[in-house]
């Protein structure tokens, strides 16, 4: 059943995602809100496919608001990268620059509010990232970041990338850490997906202005709270 369900999910979700991508691109001339609406509907479609076809449910423990703060997520699978648009009202998302360089889709992604991150960039790129993040936060939208930089297997807790501490010090906004255990039902290097509950565990808010080492330690511990 796991194989059949996974095959069905791949056919339905990835097959019909072409429609959503085309809709999102077609919405570009109508402005950012139209693009955000189309992208959110795609995220809701993804969650529906996961629930109906794969038997995956979503549980949020704690409260996630859409206030203009920095939200940092554990990253174990593609699930949370797509599902994030279901958790907030049009969140800004910091993601690798390669995604915004894709023809057509990258144009729509930038208009939506995806903030490109150059992993090996220097001070100039960090200043550009800071400006884009502050401009977005000023509009009242939350900013979401995967501080580990890439997907990691469930149970592992690598060090946070330097970009988190840099943004924390530059933005001077509170941080909400969120643990995720999606790797249990959607392992990183496998197309097989299992039924179960994907939990988002909202940690204690980290206030702005803490020493860098303390903020990193608190964020690291909180996003790994479901590692068991």
Protein backbone atom coordinates (compact mmCIF):
# COMPACT_ATOMS: atom_id res chain seq x y z
CA UNK A 1 0.00 0.00 0.00
CA UNK A 2 2.87 2.39 0.72
CA UNK A 3 4.23 1.87 -2.80
CA UNK A 4 0.81 2.29 -4.42
CA UNK A 5 -0.02 5.37 -2.38
CA UNK A 6 3.36 6.94 -3.14
CA UNK A 7 2.93 6.26 -6.85
CA UNK A 8 -0.56 7.74 -6.83
CA UNK A 9 0.67 10.83 -4.97
CA UNK A 10 3.49 11.36 -7.48
CA UNK A 11 1.13 11.09 -10.44
CA UNK A 12 -1.59 13.32 -9.02
CA UNK A 13 0.45 15.97 -7.22
CA UNK A 14 3.35 16.39 -9.64
CA UNK A 15 1.15 15.88 -12.68
CA UNK A 16 -1.40 18.52 -11.69
CA UNK A 17 1.23 20.88 -10.26
CA UNK A 18 1.89 21.95 -13.86
CA UNK A 19 -1.55 23.59 -13.80
CA UNK A 20 -0.71 25.49 -10.62
CA UNK A 21 2.65 26.62 -11.96
CA UNK A 22 1.01 27.93 -15.13
CA UNK A 23 -1.70 29.64 -13.08
CA UNK A 24 0.91 31.30 -10.88
CA UNK A 25 2.87 32.54 -13.89
CA UNK A 26 -0.34 33.78 -15.54
CA UNK A 27 -1.13 35.72 -12.35
CA UNK A 28 2.12 37.72 -12.51
CA UNK A 29 0.68 40.63 -14.58
CA UNK A 30 -2.05 41.06 -11.95
CA UNK A 31 0.41 41.75 -9.13
CA UNK A 32 1.85 40.16 -6.03
CA UNK A 33 -1.45 39.39 -4.30
CA UNK A 34 -2.69 37.39 -7.29
CA UNK A 35 0.56 35.40 -7.32
CA UNK A 36 0.33 34.83 -3.56
CA UNK A 37 -3.25 33.59 -3.90
CA UNK A 38 -2.31 31.09 -6.62
CA UNK A 39 0.73 29.85 -4.67
CA UNK A 40 -1.34 29.39 -1.51
CA UNK A 41 -3.91 27.34 -3.40
CA UNK A 42 -1.09 25.11 -4.70
CA UNK A 43 0.12 24.58 -1.12
CA UNK A 44 -3.40 23.69 0.00
CA UNK A 45 -3.66 21.25 -2.92
CA UNK A 46 -0.40 19.63 -1.76
CA UNK A 47 -1.67 19.23 1.80
CA UNK A 48 -4.93 17.77 0.51
CA UNK A 49 -3.06 15.22 -1.63
CA UNK A 50 -0.90 14.27 1.34
CA UNK A 51 -3.95 13.78 3.55
CA UNK A 52 -6.24 11.96 1.11
CA UNK A 53 -3.75 9.87 -0.86
CA UNK A 54 -0.94 9.30 1.64
CA UNK A 55 -2.88 9.43 4.90
CA UNK A 56 -0.63 12.16 6.30
CA UNK A 57 -2.19 14.50 8.84
CA UNK A 58 -0.83 17.81 10.11
CA UNK A 59 -0.72 18.79 13.78
CA UNK A 60 0.41 22.19 15.05
CA UNK A 61 1.36 22.25 18.73
CA UNK A 62 1.45 25.86 19.85
CA UNK A 63 0.44 29.01 18.01
CA UNK A 64 1.79 30.26 14.70
CA UNK A 65 0.78 33.81 13.89
CA UNK A 66 1.50 35.82 10.77
CA UNK A 67 3.23 38.64 12.64
CA UNK A 68 6.34 40.13 11.02
CA UNK A 69 8.95 38.05 12.85
CA UNK A 70 11.62 35.55 11.83
CA UNK A 71 10.39 31.94 11.91
CA UNK A 72 13.05 29.23 11.72
CA UNK A 73 12.06 25.67 10.82
CA UNK A 74 13.60 22.26 11.09
CA UNK A 75 13.94 20.94 7.53
CA UNK A 76 13.54 17.19 7.01
CA UNK A 77 11.57 16.91 3.77
CA UNK A 78 10.01 18.90 0.96
CA UNK A 79 6.70 18.71 2.82
CA UNK A 80 7.27 21.72 5.07
CA UNK A 81 8.83 23.76 2.25
CA UNK A 82 5.52 23.56 0.35
CA UNK A 83 3.21 23.40 3.36
CA UNK A 84 4.60 26.64 4.80
CA UNK A 85 2.14 28.60 2.66
CA UNK A 86 -0.68 26.88 4.55
CA UNK A 87 0.74 27.93 7.91
CA UNK A 88 0.92 31.69 7.33
CA UNK A 89 -0.73 34.42 5.31
CA UNK A 90 1.67 34.96 2.38
CA UNK A 91 4.96 34.39 4.21
CA UNK A 92 8.27 35.59 2.87
CA UNK A 93 10.58 32.63 2.37
CA UNK A 94 14.37 32.75 2.28
CA UNK A 95 15.55 30.03 -0.11
CA UNK A 96 18.53 29.17 -2.26
CA UNK A 97 19.09 31.57 -5.14
CA UNK A 98 18.93 28.81 -7.76
CA UNK A 99 15.14 28.68 -7.33
CA UNK A 100 14.74 32.30 -8.38
CA UNK A 101 16.97 31.79 -11.41
CA UNK A 102 14.61 29.28 -13.01
CA UNK A 103 12.97 30.58 -16.23
CA UNK A 104 9.46 32.03 -15.69
CA UNK A 105 8.93 30.29 -12.34
CA UNK A 106 11.78 32.27 -10.79
CA UNK A 107 10.15 35.51 -11.93
CA UNK A 108 6.90 34.52 -10.24
CA UNK A 109 8.75 33.35 -7.11
CA UNK A 110 10.45 36.72 -6.70
CA UNK A 111 7.15 38.55 -7.12
CA UNK A 112 5.59 36.24 -4.53
CA UNK A 113 8.25 37.16 -2.00
CA UNK A 114 10.85 34.42 -2.17
CA UNK A 115 14.11 36.00 -0.98
CA UNK A 116 17.17 34.52 -2.71
CA UNK A 117 20.06 33.37 -0.52
CA UNK A 118 23.53 32.87 -1.93
CA UNK A 119 25.10 30.23 0.30
CA UNK A 120 28.69 31.24 -0.41
CA UNK A 121 28.10 34.96 -0.77
CA UNK A 122 29.99 37.73 0.99
CA UNK A 123 29.01 40.93 2.82
CA UNK A 124 27.39 42.54 -0.23
CA UNK A 125 24.96 39.66 -0.66
CA UNK A 126 24.18 39.70 3.08
CA UNK A 127 23.36 43.41 2.87
CA UNK A 128 21.04 42.74 -0.08
CA UNK A 129 19.39 39.91 1.88
CA UNK A 130 18.95 42.18 4.90
CA UNK A 131 17.34 44.92 2.79
CA UNK A 132 14.94 42.46 1.10
CA UNK A 133 14.01 40.94 4.46
CA UNK A 134 13.44 44.31 6.14
CA UNK A 135 11.37 45.56 3.19
CA UNK A 136 9.21 42.45 3.42
CA UNK A 137 8.82 42.60 7.19
CA UNK A 138 7.80 46.24 6.89
CA UNK A 139 4.74 45.12 4.91
CA UNK A 140 3.64 42.99 7.88
CA UNK A 141 4.59 39.60 6.44
CA UNK A 142 6.46 36.90 8.42
CA UNK A 143 9.89 35.74 7.22
CA UNK A 144 10.61 32.01 7.18
CA UNK A 145 14.04 30.40 7.10
CA UNK A 146 15.53 26.90 7.20
CA UNK A 147 18.64 27.64 9.30
CA UNK A 148 20.25 24.26 8.61
CA UNK A 149 20.40 25.21 4.94
CA UNK A 150 19.22 21.87 3.56
CA UNK A 151 17.11 18.84 4.42
CA UNK A 152 18.51 16.54 7.09
CA UNK A 153 17.43 13.01 8.10
CA UNK A 154 15.10 12.76 11.08
CA UNK A 155 17.03 12.57 14.32
CA UNK A 156 20.10 14.44 13.11
CA UNK A 157 20.93 17.92 14.39
CA UNK A 158 23.68 19.62 12.38
CA UNK A 159 24.99 23.04 13.31
CA UNK A 160 23.03 26.01 12.03
CA UNK A 161 24.41 27.85 9.02
CA UNK A 162 26.01 31.24 9.68
CA UNK A 163 23.17 32.94 7.79
CA UNK A 164 20.78 32.52 10.73
CA UNK A 165 22.98 34.38 13.18
CA UNK A 166 23.70 37.02 10.56
CA UNK A 167 20.01 37.67 9.95
CA UNK A 168 19.22 37.60 13.66
CA UNK A 169 21.83 40.26 14.39
CA UNK A 170 20.94 42.39 11.37
CA UNK A 171 17.13 42.27 11.52
CA UNK A 172 16.78 42.74 15.28
CA UNK A 173 13.39 40.99 15.39
CA UNK A 174 12.13 38.15 17.62
CA UNK A 175 12.62 34.58 16.39
CA UNK A 176 10.07 31.78 16.62
CA UNK A 177 11.69 28.32 16.30
CA UNK A 178 9.60 25.44 14.96
CA UNK A 179 10.48 21.76 15.22
CA UNK A 180 9.19 19.43 12.47
CA UNK A 181 9.24 15.62 12.26
CA UNK A 182 8.24 15.18 8.61
CA UNK A 183 11.26 12.98 7.91
CA UNK A 184 9.55 10.08 9.67
CA UNK A 185 6.81 9.81 7.02
CA UNK A 186 8.62 11.48 4.09
CA UNK A 187 12.33 10.56 4.26
CA UNK A 188 14.73 12.88 2.49
CA UNK A 189 16.22 10.44 -0.02
CA UNK A 190 13.21 8.26 -0.71
CA UNK A 191 10.18 8.73 -2.92
CA UNK A 192 8.19 6.40 -0.66
CA UNK A 193 5.92 8.27 1.72
CA UNK A 194 4.16 6.74 4.72
CA UNK A 195 0.93 7.56 6.53
CA UNK A 196 1.19 9.30 9.87
CA UNK A 197 1.08 12.67 11.60
CA UNK A 198 3.47 15.49 10.76
CA UNK A 199 3.90 17.67 13.81
CA UNK A 200 4.94 21.30 13.98
CA UNK A 201 6.08 22.08 17.53
CA UNK A 202 6.26 25.83 18.13
CA UNK A 203 9.05 26.72 20.53
CA UNK A 204 9.43 29.62 22.92
CA UNK A 205 9.99 32.95 21.19
CA UNK A 206 13.61 34.09 21.23
CA UNK A 207 13.71 37.83 21.88
CA UNK A 208 15.76 40.19 19.75
CA UNK A 209 19.06 41.48 21.05
CA UNK A 210 20.50 38.37 22.69
CA UNK A 211 24.18 37.49 22.25
CA UNK A 212 24.75 35.58 19.03
CA UNK A 213 25.85 32.35 20.71
CA UNK A 214 22.82 32.28 23.02
CA UNK A 215 20.35 32.92 20.19
CA UNK A 216 21.93 30.16 18.10
CA UNK A 217 21.90 27.69 20.97
CA UNK A 218 18.26 28.35 21.79
CA UNK A 219 17.16 28.11 18.17
CA UNK A 220 19.17 24.92 17.61
CA UNK A 221 17.69 23.21 20.67
CA UNK A 222 14.12 24.26 19.86
CA UNK A 223 14.03 23.14 16.21
CA UNK A 224 15.44 19.73 17.24
CA UNK A 225 12.90 19.17 20.02
CA UNK A 226 11.16 16.36 18.07
CA UNK A 227 14.35 14.39 17.37
CA UNK A 228 13.39 11.05 18.84
